[in-house]
Amino acid sequence: MGAQYIVTQMFFDNKKYFEFVDLCRESGINVPIIPGIKPLTGKAQLTVLPKTFNIDIPEALSEEADKCKDNKDVKEVGIQWAIEQSRELMKSGVPTLHYYSMGKSDPIYRIAKALF
């Protein structure tokens, strides 16, 4: 219908992105599909984000965040998760990456610094 690209909603499990791309391609959608990544920055996001955006938090990420004593530690877990997630996506050849900052630019800066 004229779209030149797609940006996905945030996700934490790259498998979901790859499945979405496959479904789009099978349906004849051939524009670039840009993955939307959101670094976890606080424990409350473990429950708020799934309810608000109808997304899943991978069990491994949830378990690591639950082990954290405070949101500062959760932020570190979230940044490292997003870095690894980004590396896998880049290795698979995604057209580019989109990060949802939600007003918090420091995690995005740190992710970009680690990747580029």
PDB file of N, CA and C in Angstrom:
ATOM      1  N   MET A   1       0.821  -1.197   0.000  1.00  0.00           N
ATOM      2  CA  MET A   1       0.000   0.000   0.000  1.00  0.00           C
ATOM      3  C   MET A   1       0.863   1.258   0.000  1.00  0.00           C
ATOM      4  N   GLY A   2       2.148   1.129  -0.335  1.00  0.00           N
ATOM      5  CA  GLY A   2       2.984   2.300  -0.435  1.00  0.00           C
ATOM      6  C   GLY A   2       4.028   2.463   0.645  1.00  0.00           C
ATOM      7  N   ALA A   3       3.968   1.663   1.691  1.00  0.00           N
ATOM      8  CA  ALA A   3       4.980   1.770   2.750  1.00  0.00           C
ATOM      9  C   ALA A   3       6.345   1.384   2.190  1.00  0.00           C
ATOM     10  N   GLN A   4       7.358   2.122   2.602  1.00  0.00           N
ATOM     11  CA  GLN A   4       8.710   1.829   2.122  1.00  0.00           C
ATOM     12  C   GLN A   4       9.506   0.997   3.107  1.00  0.00           C
ATOM     13  N   TYR A   5       9.037   0.904   4.344  1.00  0.00           N
ATOM     14  CA  TYR A   5       9.679   0.069   5.352  1.00  0.00           C
ATOM     15  C   TYR A   5       8.723  -0.128   6.523  1.00  0.00           C
ATOM     16  N   ILE A   6       9.073  -1.068   7.379  1.00  0.00           N
ATOM     17  CA  ILE A   6       8.294  -1.360   8.586  1.00  0.00           C
ATOM     18  C   ILE A   6       9.239  -1.267   9.773  1.00  0.00           C
ATOM     19  N   VAL A   7       8.777  -0.663  10.873  1.00  0.00           N
ATOM     20  CA  VAL A   7       9.492  -0.711  12.145  1.00  0.00           C
ATOM     21  C   VAL A   7       8.605  -1.514  13.085  1.00  0.00           C
ATOM     22  N   THR A   8       9.157  -2.566  13.669  1.00  0.00           N
ATOM     23  CA  THR A   8       8.349  -3.402  14.552  1.00  0.00           C
ATOM     24  C   THR A   8       8.134  -2.731  15.901  1.00  0.00           C
ATOM     25  N   GLN A   9       7.157  -3.212  16.612  1.00  0.00           N
ATOM     26  CA  GLN A   9       7.028  -2.802  18.003  1.00  0.00           C
ATOM     27  C   GLN A   9       8.206  -3.411  18.754  1.00  0.00           C
ATOM     28  N   MET A  10       8.396  -2.998  19.994  1.00  0.00           N
ATOM     29  CA  MET A  10       9.504  -3.539  20.786  1.00  0.00           C
ATOM     30  C   MET A  10       9.316  -5.036  20.999  1.00  0.00           C
ATOM     31  N   PHE A  11      10.446  -5.715  21.072  1.00  0.00           N
ATOM     32  CA  PHE A  11      10.444  -7.141  21.396  1.00  0.00           C
ATOM     33  C   PHE A  11      11.762  -7.467  22.081  1.00  0.00           C
ATOM     34  N   PHE A  12      11.766  -8.567  22.806  1.00  0.00           N
ATOM     35  CA  PHE A  12      12.954  -8.981  23.548  1.00  0.00           C
ATOM     36  C   PHE A  12      13.466 -10.340  23.097  1.00  0.00           C
ATOM     37  N   ASP A  13      12.725 -10.981  22.221  1.00  0.00           N
ATOM     38  CA  ASP A  13      13.060 -12.320  21.738  1.00  0.00           C
ATOM     39  C   ASP A  13      13.214 -12.254  20.219  1.00  0.00           C
ATOM     40  N   ASN A  14      14.437 -12.388  19.738  1.00  0.00           N
ATOM     41  CA  ASN A  14      14.680 -12.267  18.302  1.00  0.00           C
ATOM     42  C   ASN A  14      13.911 -13.300  17.490  1.00  0.00           C
ATOM     43  N   LYS A  15      13.601 -14.429  18.083  1.00  0.00           N
ATOM     44  CA  LYS A  15      12.823 -15.447  17.377  1.00  0.00           C
ATOM     45  C   LYS A  15      11.496 -14.859  16.898  1.00  0.00           C
ATOM     46  N   LYS A  16      10.890 -14.018  17.729  1.00  0.00           N
ATOM     47  CA  LYS A  16       9.619 -13.378  17.354  1.00  0.00           C
ATOM     48  C   LYS A  16       9.802 -12.489  16.119  1.00  0.00           C
ATOM     49  N   TYR A  17      10.919 -11.772  16.065  1.00  0.00           N
ATOM     50  CA  TYR A  17      11.203 -10.919  14.901  1.00  0.00           C
ATOM     51  C   TYR A  17      11.351 -11.772  13.650  1.00  0.00           C
ATOM     52  N   PHE A  18      12.162 -12.815  13.743  1.00  0.00           N
ATOM     53  CA  PHE A  18      12.404 -13.669  12.567  1.00  0.00           C
ATOM     54  C   PHE A  18      11.116 -14.326  12.081  1.00  0.00           C
ATOM     55  N   GLU A  19      10.255 -14.746  13.011  1.00  0.00           N
ATOM     56  CA  GLU A  19       8.959 -15.324  12.633  1.00  0.00           C
ATOM     57  C   GLU A  19       8.084 -14.283  11.937  1.00  0.00           C
ATOM     58  N   PHE A  20       8.084 -13.061  12.446  1.00  0.00           N
ATOM     59  CA  PHE A  20       7.303 -11.986  11.840  1.00  0.00           C
ATOM     60  C   PHE A  20       7.792 -11.689  10.423  1.00  0.00           C
ATOM     61  N   VAL A  21       9.093 -11.611  10.246  1.00  0.00           N
ATOM     62  CA  VAL A  21       9.653 -11.365   8.912  1.00  0.00           C
ATOM     63  C   VAL A  21       9.238 -12.481   7.960  1.00  0.00           C
ATOM     64  N   ASP A  22       9.344 -13.722   8.397  1.00  0.00           N
ATOM     65  CA  ASP A  22       8.946 -14.855   7.552  1.00  0.00           C
ATOM     66  C   ASP A  22       7.481 -14.756   7.142  1.00  0.00           C
ATOM     67  N   LEU A  23       6.613 -14.419   8.086  1.00  0.00           N
ATOM     68  CA  LEU A  23       5.182 -14.277   7.779  1.00  0.00           C
ATOM     69  C   LEU A  23       4.947 -13.155   6.769  1.00  0.00           C
ATOM     70  N   CYS A  24       5.652 -12.050   6.944  1.00  0.00           N
ATOM     71  CA  CYS A  24       5.514 -10.938   6.001  1.00  0.00           C
ATOM     72  C   CYS A  24       5.958 -11.361   4.610  1.00  0.00           C
ATOM     73  N   ARG A  25       7.096 -12.010   4.529  1.00  0.00           N
ATOM     74  CA  ARG A  25       7.616 -12.433   3.216  1.00  0.00           C
ATOM     75  C   ARG A  25       6.657 -13.419   2.546  1.00  0.00           C
ATOM     76  N   GLU A  26       6.112 -14.350   3.332  1.00  0.00           N
ATOM     77  CA  GLU A  26       5.149 -15.314   2.792  1.00  0.00           C
ATOM     78  C   GLU A  26       3.892 -14.624   2.282  1.00  0.00           C
ATOM     79  N   SER A  27       3.575 -13.467   2.861  1.00  0.00           N
ATOM     80  CA  SER A  27       2.385 -12.710   2.459  1.00  0.00           C
ATOM     81  C   SER A  27       2.677 -11.729   1.333  1.00  0.00           C
ATOM     82  N   GLY A  28       3.909 -11.720   0.846  1.00  0.00           N
ATOM     83  CA  GLY A  28       4.266 -10.824  -0.242  1.00  0.00           C
ATOM     84  C   GLY A  28       4.729  -9.446   0.193  1.00  0.00           C
ATOM     85  N   ILE A  29       4.970  -9.257   1.468  1.00  0.00           N
ATOM     86  CA  ILE A  29       5.482  -7.976   1.975  1.00  0.00           C
ATOM     87  C   ILE A  29       6.996  -8.038   1.892  1.00  0.00           C
ATOM     88  N   ASN A  30       7.583  -7.195   1.064  1.00  0.00           N
ATOM     89  CA  ASN A  30       9.014  -7.296   0.795  1.00  0.00           C
ATOM     90  C   ASN A  30       9.805  -6.045   1.121  1.00  0.00           C
ATOM     91  N   VAL A  31       9.208  -5.117   1.854  1.00  0.00           N
ATOM     92  CA  VAL A  31       9.934  -3.917   2.258  1.00  0.00           C
ATOM     93  C   VAL A  31      10.871  -4.273   3.418  1.00  0.00           C
ATOM     94  N   PRO A  32      11.891  -3.447   3.662  1.00  0.00           N
ATOM     95  CA  PRO A  32      12.757  -3.701   4.823  1.00  0.00           C
ATOM     96  C   PRO A  32      11.945  -3.685   6.119  1.00  0.00           C
ATOM     97  N   ILE A  33      12.282  -4.602   7.017  1.00  0.00           N
ATOM     98  CA  ILE A  33      11.606  -4.686   8.313  1.00  0.00           C
ATOM     99  C   ILE A  33      12.645  -4.423   9.394  1.00  0.00           C
ATOM    100  N   ILE A  34      12.502  -3.275  10.039  1.00  0.00           N
ATOM    101  CA  ILE A  34      13.469  -2.794  11.022  1.00  0.00           C
ATOM    102  C   ILE A  34      13.045  -3.260  12.415  1.00  0.00           C
ATOM    103  N   PRO A  35      13.937  -3.971  13.114  1.00  0.00           N
ATOM    104  CA  PRO A  35      13.579  -4.438  14.453  1.00  0.00           C
ATOM    105  C   PRO A  35      13.579  -3.308  15.476  1.00  0.00           C
ATOM    106  N   GLY A  36      12.577  -3.303  16.342  1.00  0.00           N
ATOM    107  CA  GLY A  36      12.457  -2.317  17.410  1.00  0.00           C
ATOM    108  C   GLY A  36      12.887  -2.913  18.744  1.00  0.00           C
ATOM    109  N   ILE A  37      13.945  -2.375  19.304  1.00  0.00           N
ATOM    110  CA  ILE A  37      14.531  -2.918  20.528  1.00  0.00           C
ATOM    111  C   ILE A  37      14.354  -1.937  21.674  1.00  0.00           C
ATOM    112  N   LYS A  38      14.002  -2.465  22.824  1.00  0.00           N
ATOM    113  CA  LYS A  38      13.815  -1.650  24.029  1.00  0.00           C
ATOM    114  C   LYS A  38      14.669  -2.246  25.136  1.00  0.00           C
ATOM    115  N   PRO A  39      15.692  -1.533  25.576  1.00  0.00           N
ATOM    116  CA  PRO A  39      16.429  -2.056  26.722  1.00  0.00           C
ATOM    117  C   PRO A  39      15.596  -1.951  28.001  1.00  0.00           C
ATOM    118  N   LEU A  40      15.563  -3.035  28.735  1.00  0.00           N
ATOM    119  CA  LEU A  40      14.885  -3.054  30.023  1.00  0.00           C
ATOM    120  C   LEU A  40      15.634  -2.121  30.968  1.00  0.00           C
ATOM    121  N   THR A  41      14.912  -1.270  31.696  1.00  0.00           N
ATOM    122  CA  THR A  41      15.582  -0.325  32.592  1.00  0.00           C
ATOM    123  C   THR A  41      15.056  -0.364  34.024  1.00  0.00           C
ATOM    124  N   GLY A  42      14.040  -1.171  34.285  1.00  0.00           N
ATOM    125  CA  GLY A  42      13.504  -1.263  35.631  1.00  0.00           C
ATOM    126  C   GLY A  42      12.647  -2.504  35.804  1.00  0.00           C
ATOM    127  N   LYS A  43      12.570  -2.993  37.030  1.00  0.00           N
ATOM    128  CA  LYS A  43      11.805  -4.219  37.311  1.00  0.00           C
ATOM    129  C   LYS A  43      10.332  -4.093  36.941  1.00  0.00           C
ATOM    130  N   ALA A  44       9.763  -2.929  37.154  1.00  0.00           N
ATOM    131  CA  ALA A  44       8.336  -2.745  36.865  1.00  0.00           C
ATOM    132  C   ALA A  44       8.022  -3.040  35.406  1.00  0.00           C
ATOM    133  N   GLN A  45       8.995  -2.840  34.526  1.00  0.00           N
ATOM    134  CA  GLN A  45       8.768  -3.086  33.098  1.00  0.00           C
ATOM    135  C   GLN A  45       8.494  -4.556  32.801  1.00  0.00           C
ATOM    136  N   LEU A  46       8.911  -5.447  33.689  1.00  0.00           N
ATOM    137  CA  LEU A  46       8.646  -6.877  33.493  1.00  0.00           C
ATOM    138  C   LEU A  46       7.152  -7.173  33.445  1.00  0.00           C
ATOM    139  N   THR A  47       6.355  -6.361  34.129  1.00  0.00           N
ATOM    140  CA  THR A  47       4.903  -6.565  34.105  1.00  0.00           C
ATOM    141  C   THR A  47       4.186  -5.499  33.279  1.00  0.00           C
ATOM    142  N   VAL A  48       4.692  -4.275  33.306  1.00  0.00           N
ATOM    143  CA  VAL A  48       4.028  -3.177  32.593  1.00  0.00           C
ATOM    144  C   VAL A  48       4.116  -3.346  31.074  1.00  0.00           C
ATOM    145  N   LEU A  49       5.314  -3.626  30.571  1.00  0.00           N
ATOM    146  CA  LEU A  49       5.484  -3.716  29.113  1.00  0.00           C
ATOM    147  C   LEU A  49       4.637  -4.829  28.485  1.00  0.00           C
ATOM    148  N   PRO A  50       4.618  -6.037  29.051  1.00  0.00           N
ATOM    149  CA  PRO A  50       3.761  -7.069  28.451  1.00  0.00           C
ATOM    150  C   PRO A  50       2.282  -6.698  28.427  1.00  0.00           C
ATOM    151  N   LYS A  51       1.811  -6.059  29.502  1.00  0.00           N
ATOM    152  CA  LYS A  51       0.394  -5.676  29.549  1.00  0.00           C
ATOM    153  C   LYS A  51       0.095  -4.541  28.571  1.00  0.00           C
ATOM    154  N   THR A  52       0.984  -3.567  28.506  1.00  0.00           N
ATOM    155  CA  THR A  52       0.752  -2.390  27.683  1.00  0.00           C
ATOM    156  C   THR A  52       0.898  -2.683  26.190  1.00  0.00           C
ATOM    157  N   PHE A  53       1.905  -3.493  25.842  1.00  0.00           N
ATOM    158  CA  PHE A  53       2.231  -3.704  24.425  1.00  0.00           C
ATOM    159  C   PHE A  53       1.934  -5.111  23.930  1.00  0.00           C
ATOM    160  N   ASN A  54       1.344  -5.951  24.790  1.00  0.00           N
ATOM    161  CA  ASN A  54       1.016  -7.320  24.416  1.00  0.00           C
ATOM    162  C   ASN A  54       2.244  -8.057  23.868  1.00  0.00           C
ATOM    163  N   ILE A  55       3.333  -8.009  24.631  1.00  0.00           N
ATOM    164  CA  ILE A  55       4.576  -8.668  24.244  1.00  0.00           C
ATOM    165  C   ILE A  55       4.980  -9.672  25.311  1.00  0.00           C
ATOM    166  N   ASP A  56       5.916 -10.542  24.959  1.00  0.00           N
ATOM    167  CA  ASP A  56       6.450 -11.518  25.892  1.00  0.00           C
ATOM    168  C   ASP A  56       7.845 -11.104  26.329  1.00  0.00           C
ATOM    169  N   ILE A  57       8.149 -11.328  27.588  1.00  0.00           N
ATOM    170  CA  ILE A  57       9.507 -11.154  28.100  1.00  0.00           C
ATOM    171  C   ILE A  57      10.090 -12.566  28.198  1.00  0.00           C
ATOM    172  N   PRO A  58      11.217 -12.832  27.544  1.00  0.00           N
ATOM    173  CA  PRO A  58      11.804 -14.170  27.637  1.00  0.00           C
ATOM    174  C   PRO A  58      12.104 -14.546  29.092  1.00  0.00           C
ATOM    175  N   GLU A  59      11.905 -15.800  29.401  1.00  0.00           N
ATOM    176  CA  GLU A  59      12.117 -16.275  30.763  1.00  0.00           C
ATOM    177  C   GLU A  59      13.539 -15.987  31.244  1.00  0.00           C
ATOM    178  N   ALA A  60      14.524 -16.168  30.372  1.00  0.00           N
ATOM    179  CA  ALA A  60      15.916 -15.929  30.770  1.00  0.00           C
ATOM    180  C   ALA A  60      16.137 -14.476  31.184  1.00  0.00           C
ATOM    181  N   LEU A  61      15.537 -13.534  30.453  1.00  0.00           N
ATOM    182  CA  LEU A  61      15.671 -12.118  30.797  1.00  0.00           C
ATOM    183  C   LEU A  61      14.941 -11.816  32.101  1.00  0.00           C
ATOM    184  N   SER A  62      13.752 -12.349  32.242  1.00  0.00           N
ATOM    185  CA  SER A  62      12.969 -12.131  33.449  1.00  0.00           C
ATOM    186  C   SER A  62      13.697 -12.673  34.682  1.00  0.00           C
ATOM    187  N   GLU A  63      14.276 -13.845  34.553  1.00  0.00           N
ATOM    188  CA  GLU A  63      15.003 -14.448  35.674  1.00  0.00           C
ATOM    189  C   GLU A  63      16.217 -13.608  36.063  1.00  0.00           C
ATOM    190  N   GLU A  64      16.951 -13.110  35.072  1.00  0.00           N
ATOM    191  CA  GLU A  64      18.116 -12.274  35.369  1.00  0.00           C
ATOM    192  C   GLU A  64      17.699 -10.973  36.047  1.00  0.00           C
ATOM    193  N   ALA A  65      16.624 -10.383  35.568  1.00  0.00           N
ATOM    194  CA  ALA A  65      16.142  -9.134  36.170  1.00  0.00           C
ATOM    195  C   ALA A  65      15.630  -9.368  37.591  1.00  0.00           C
ATOM    196  N   ASP A  66      14.985 -10.494  37.812  1.00  0.00           N
ATOM    197  CA  ASP A  66      14.479 -10.809  39.148  1.00  0.00           C
ATOM    198  C   ASP A  66      15.600 -10.969  40.172  1.00  0.00           C
ATOM    199  N   LYS A  67      16.760 -11.384  39.721  1.00  0.00           N
ATOM    200  CA  LYS A  67      17.913 -11.556  40.617  1.00  0.00           C
ATOM    201  C   LYS A  67      18.498 -10.218  41.068  1.00  0.00           C
ATOM    202  N   CYS A  68      18.186  -9.154  40.359  1.00  0.00           N
ATOM    203  CA  CYS A  68      18.775  -7.845  40.627  1.00  0.00           C
ATOM    204  C   CYS A  68      18.236  -7.254  41.924  1.00  0.00           C
ATOM    205  N   LYS A  69      19.120  -6.566  42.641  1.00  0.00           N
ATOM    206  CA  LYS A  69      18.716  -5.964  43.913  1.00  0.00           C
ATOM    207  C   LYS A  69      18.013  -4.630  43.734  1.00  0.00           C
ATOM    208  N   ASP A  70      18.284  -3.938  42.600  1.00  0.00           N
ATOM    209  CA  ASP A  70      17.646  -2.642  42.360  1.00  0.00           C
ATOM    210  C   ASP A  70      17.580  -2.363  40.862  1.00  0.00           C
ATOM    211  N   ASN A  71      16.937  -1.250  40.519  1.00  0.00           N
ATOM    212  CA  ASN A  71      16.759  -0.911  39.106  1.00  0.00           C
ATOM    213  C   ASN A  71      18.067  -0.578  38.403  1.00  0.00           C
ATOM    214  N   LYS A  72      19.062  -0.125  39.139  1.00  0.00           N
ATOM    215  CA  LYS A  72      20.372   0.127  38.540  1.00  0.00           C
ATOM    216  C   LYS A  72      20.936  -1.179  37.972  1.00  0.00           C
ATOM    217  N   ASP A  73      20.789  -2.258  38.722  1.00  0.00           N
ATOM    218  CA  ASP A  73      21.254  -3.566  38.249  1.00  0.00           C
ATOM    219  C   ASP A  73      20.389  -4.079  37.097  1.00  0.00           C
ATOM    220  N   VAL A  74      19.088  -3.839  37.176  1.00  0.00           N
ATOM    221  CA  VAL A  74      18.186  -4.247  36.091  1.00  0.00           C
ATOM    222  C   VAL A  74      18.583  -3.532  34.799  1.00  0.00           C
ATOM    223  N   LYS A  75      18.899  -2.265  34.904  1.00  0.00           N
ATOM    224  CA  LYS A  75      19.318  -1.480  33.739  1.00  0.00           C
ATOM    225  C   LYS A  75      20.556  -2.109  33.095  1.00  0.00           C
ATOM    226  N   GLU A  76      21.499  -2.554  33.903  1.00  0.00           N
ATOM    227  CA  GLU A  76      22.712  -3.193  33.371  1.00  0.00           C
ATOM    228  C   GLU A  76      22.369  -4.493  32.650  1.00  0.00           C
ATOM    229  N   VAL A  77      21.492  -5.286  33.244  1.00  0.00           N
ATOM    230  CA  VAL A  77      21.037  -6.521  32.600  1.00  0.00           C
ATOM    231  C   VAL A  77      20.355  -6.190  31.276  1.00  0.00           C
ATOM    232  N   GLY A  78      19.495  -5.166  31.293  1.00  0.00           N
ATOM    233  CA  GLY A  78      18.769  -4.769  30.085  1.00  0.00           C
ATOM    234  C   GLY A  78      19.696  -4.295  28.981  1.00  0.00           C
ATOM    235  N   ILE A  79      20.713  -3.541  29.331  1.00  0.00           N
ATOM    236  CA  ILE A  79      21.671  -3.048  28.334  1.00  0.00           C
ATOM    237  C   ILE A  79      22.435  -4.216  27.725  1.00  0.00           C
ATOM    238  N   GLN A  80      22.915  -5.126  28.563  1.00  0.00           N
ATOM    239  CA  GLN A  80      23.668  -6.271  28.047  1.00  0.00           C
ATOM    240  C   GLN A  80      22.784  -7.156  27.169  1.00  0.00           C
ATOM    241  N   TRP A  81      21.527  -7.341  27.575  1.00  0.00           N
ATOM    242  CA  TRP A  81      20.583  -8.139  26.772  1.00  0.00           C
ATOM    243  C   TRP A  81      20.396  -7.478  25.402  1.00  0.00           C
ATOM    244  N   ALA A  82      20.178  -6.175  25.392  1.00  0.00           N
ATOM    245  CA  ALA A  82      19.957  -5.458  24.132  1.00  0.00           C
ATOM    246  C   ALA A  82      21.199  -5.488  23.236  1.00  0.00           C
ATOM    247  N   ILE A  83      22.377  -5.446  23.832  1.00  0.00           N
ATOM    248  CA  ILE A  83      23.617  -5.541  23.048  1.00  0.00           C
ATOM    249  C   ILE A  83      23.685  -6.905  22.361  1.00  0.00           C
ATOM    250  N   GLU A  84      23.456  -7.964  23.109  1.00  0.00           N
ATOM    251  CA  GLU A  84      23.504  -9.312  22.525  1.00  0.00           C
ATOM    252  C   GLU A  84      22.397  -9.513  21.501  1.00  0.00           C
ATOM    253  N   GLN A  85      21.229  -8.995  21.811  1.00  0.00           N
ATOM    254  CA  GLN A  85      20.104  -9.073  20.877  1.00  0.00           C
ATOM    255  C   GLN A  85      20.465  -8.355  19.577  1.00  0.00           C
ATOM    256  N   SER A  86      21.044  -7.178  19.696  1.00  0.00           N
ATOM    257  CA  SER A  86      21.429  -6.380  18.527  1.00  0.00           C
ATOM    258  C   SER A  86      22.498  -7.092  17.700  1.00  0.00           C
ATOM    259  N   ARG A  87      23.469  -7.672  18.377  1.00  0.00           N
ATOM    260  CA  ARG A  87      24.537  -8.388  17.659  1.00  0.00           C
ATOM    261  C   ARG A  87      23.967  -9.530  16.820  1.00  0.00           C
ATOM    262  N   GLU A  88      23.052 -10.280  17.411  1.00  0.00           N
ATOM    263  CA  GLU A  88      22.442 -11.386  16.674  1.00  0.00           C
ATOM    264  C   GLU A  88      21.665 -10.866  15.463  1.00  0.00           C
ATOM    265  N   LEU A  89      20.914  -9.800  15.660  1.00  0.00           N
ATOM    266  CA  LEU A  89      20.141  -9.226  14.557  1.00  0.00           C
ATOM    267  C   LEU A  89      21.058  -8.694  13.457  1.00  0.00           C
ATOM    268  N   MET A  90      22.116  -8.008  13.851  1.00  0.00           N
ATOM    269  CA  MET A  90      23.057  -7.472  12.862  1.00  0.00           C
ATOM    270  C   MET A  90      23.714  -8.610  12.080  1.00  0.00           C
ATOM    271  N   LYS A  91      24.072  -9.668  12.772  1.00  0.00           N
ATOM    272  CA  LYS A  91      24.705 -10.819  12.124  1.00  0.00           C
ATOM    273  C   LYS A  91      23.761 -11.451  11.099  1.00  0.00           C
ATOM    274  N   SER A  92      22.464 -11.373  11.369  1.00  0.00           N
ATOM    275  CA  SER A  92      21.476 -11.953  10.454  1.00  0.00           C
ATOM    276  C   SER A  92      21.179 -11.046   9.259  1.00  0.00           C
ATOM    277  N   GLY A  93      21.712  -9.812   9.288  1.00  0.00           N
ATOM    278  CA  GLY A  93      21.558  -8.931   8.133  1.00  0.00           C
ATOM    279  C   GLY A  93      20.381  -7.982   8.164  1.00  0.00           C
ATOM    280  N   VAL A  94      19.897  -7.613   9.344  1.00  0.00           N
ATOM    281  CA  VAL A  94      18.781  -6.660   9.397  1.00  0.00           C
ATOM    282  C   VAL A  94      19.189  -5.351   8.714  1.00  0.00           C
ATOM    283  N   PRO A  95      18.208  -4.612   8.166  1.00  0.00           N
ATOM    284  CA  PRO A  95      18.544  -3.388   7.429  1.00  0.00           C
ATOM    285  C   PRO A  95      19.131  -2.289   8.318  1.00  0.00           C
ATOM    286  N   THR A  96      18.682  -2.200   9.530  1.00  0.00           N
ATOM    287  CA  THR A  96      19.168  -1.244  10.534  1.00  0.00           C
ATOM    288  C   THR A  96      18.499  -1.616  11.849  1.00  0.00           C
ATOM    289  N   LEU A  97      18.799  -0.895  12.899  1.00  0.00           N
ATOM    290  CA  LEU A  97      18.183  -1.144  14.204  1.00  0.00           C
ATOM    291  C   LEU A  97      17.469   0.112  14.673  1.00  0.00           C
ATOM    292  N   HIS A  98      16.348  -0.077  15.337  1.00  0.00           N
ATOM    293  CA  HIS A  98      15.615   1.037  15.947  1.00  0.00           C
ATOM    294  C   HIS A  98      15.527   0.758  17.441  1.00  0.00           C
ATOM    295  N   TYR A  99      15.854   1.756  18.266  1.00  0.00           N
ATOM    296  CA  TYR A  99      15.786   1.597  19.710  1.00  0.00           C
ATOM    297  C   TYR A  99      14.698   2.489  20.287  1.00  0.00           C
ATOM    298  N   TYR A 100      13.880   1.900  21.129  1.00  0.00           N
ATOM    299  CA  TYR A 100      12.868   2.650  21.859  1.00  0.00           C
ATOM    300  C   TYR A 100      13.510   3.135  23.151  1.00  0.00           C
ATOM    301  N   SER A 101      13.700   4.434  23.270  1.00  0.00           N
ATOM    302  CA  SER A 101      14.364   4.992  24.446  1.00  0.00           C
ATOM    303  C   SER A 101      13.386   5.308  25.564  1.00  0.00           C
ATOM    304  N   MET A 102      12.173   5.653  25.214  1.00  0.00           N
ATOM    305  CA  MET A 102      11.146   6.048  26.177  1.00  0.00           C
ATOM    306  C   MET A 102      11.691   7.084  27.154  1.00  0.00           C
ATOM    307  N   GLY A 103      12.416   8.052  26.588  1.00  0.00           N
ATOM    308  CA  GLY A 103      12.930   9.170  27.368  1.00  0.00           C
ATOM    309  C   GLY A 103      14.229   8.901  28.105  1.00  0.00           C
ATOM    310  N   LYS A 104      14.818   7.742  27.916  1.00  0.00           N
ATOM    311  CA  LYS A 104      16.059   7.391  28.614  1.00  0.00           C
ATOM    312  C   LYS A 104      17.141   7.112  27.576  1.00  0.00           C
ATOM    313  N   SER A 105      17.947   8.127  27.276  1.00  0.00           N
ATOM    314  CA  SER A 105      18.924   8.008  26.199  1.00  0.00           C
ATOM    315  C   SER A 105      20.220   7.310  26.608  1.00  0.00           C
ATOM    316  N   ASP A 106      20.578   7.334  27.883  1.00  0.00           N
ATOM    317  CA  ASP A 106      21.848   6.733  28.306  1.00  0.00           C
ATOM    318  C   ASP A 106      21.967   5.256  27.921  1.00  0.00           C
ATOM    319  N   PRO A 107      20.941   4.430  28.147  1.00  0.00           N
ATOM    320  CA  PRO A 107      21.087   3.028  27.728  1.00  0.00           C
ATOM    321  C   PRO A 107      21.337   2.883  26.226  1.00  0.00           C
ATOM    322  N   ILE A 108      20.680   3.707  25.425  1.00  0.00           N
ATOM    323  CA  ILE A 108      20.844   3.626  23.974  1.00  0.00           C
ATOM    324  C   ILE A 108      22.263   4.040  23.587  1.00  0.00           C
ATOM    325  N   TYR A 109      22.755   5.083  24.206  1.00  0.00           N
ATOM    326  CA  TYR A 109      24.126   5.525  23.956  1.00  0.00           C
ATOM    327  C   TYR A 109      25.108   4.402  24.271  1.00  0.00           C
ATOM    328  N   ARG A 110      24.920   3.752  25.392  1.00  0.00           N
ATOM    329  CA  ARG A 110      25.836   2.689  25.794  1.00  0.00           C
ATOM    330  C   ARG A 110      25.753   1.478  24.860  1.00  0.00           C
ATOM    331  N   ILE A 111      24.561   1.166  24.402  1.00  0.00           N
ATOM    332  CA  ILE A 111      24.390   0.065  23.454  1.00  0.00           C
ATOM    333  C   ILE A 111      25.096   0.393  22.140  1.00  0.00           C
ATOM    334  N   ALA A 112      24.844   1.590  21.618  1.00  0.00           N
ATOM    335  CA  ALA A 112      25.463   2.000  20.356  1.00  0.00           C
ATOM    336  C   ALA A 112      26.986   2.025  20.473  1.00  0.00           C
ATOM    337  N   LYS A 113      27.483   2.507  21.590  1.00  0.00           N
ATOM    338  CA  LYS A 113      28.926   2.553  21.806  1.00  0.00           C
ATOM    339  C   LYS A 113      29.523   1.144  21.787  1.00  0.00           C
ATOM    340  N   ALA A 114      28.826   0.187  22.366  1.00  0.00           N
ATOM    341  CA  ALA A 114      29.308  -1.194  22.392  1.00  0.00           C
ATOM    342  C   ALA A 114      29.253  -1.858  21.017  1.00  0.00           C
ATOM    343  N   LEU A 115      28.295  -1.449  20.198  1.00  0.00           N
ATOM    344  CA  LEU A 115      28.110  -2.081  18.893  1.00  0.00           C
ATOM    345  C   LEU A 115      28.899  -1.442  17.767  1.00  0.00           C
ATOM    346  N   PHE A 116      29.073  -0.131  17.845  1.00  0.00           N
ATOM    347  CA  PHE A 116      29.688   0.579  16.725  1.00  0.00           C
ATOM    348  C   PHE A 116      30.942   1.255  17.191  1.00  0.00           C
TER     349      PHE A 116
END
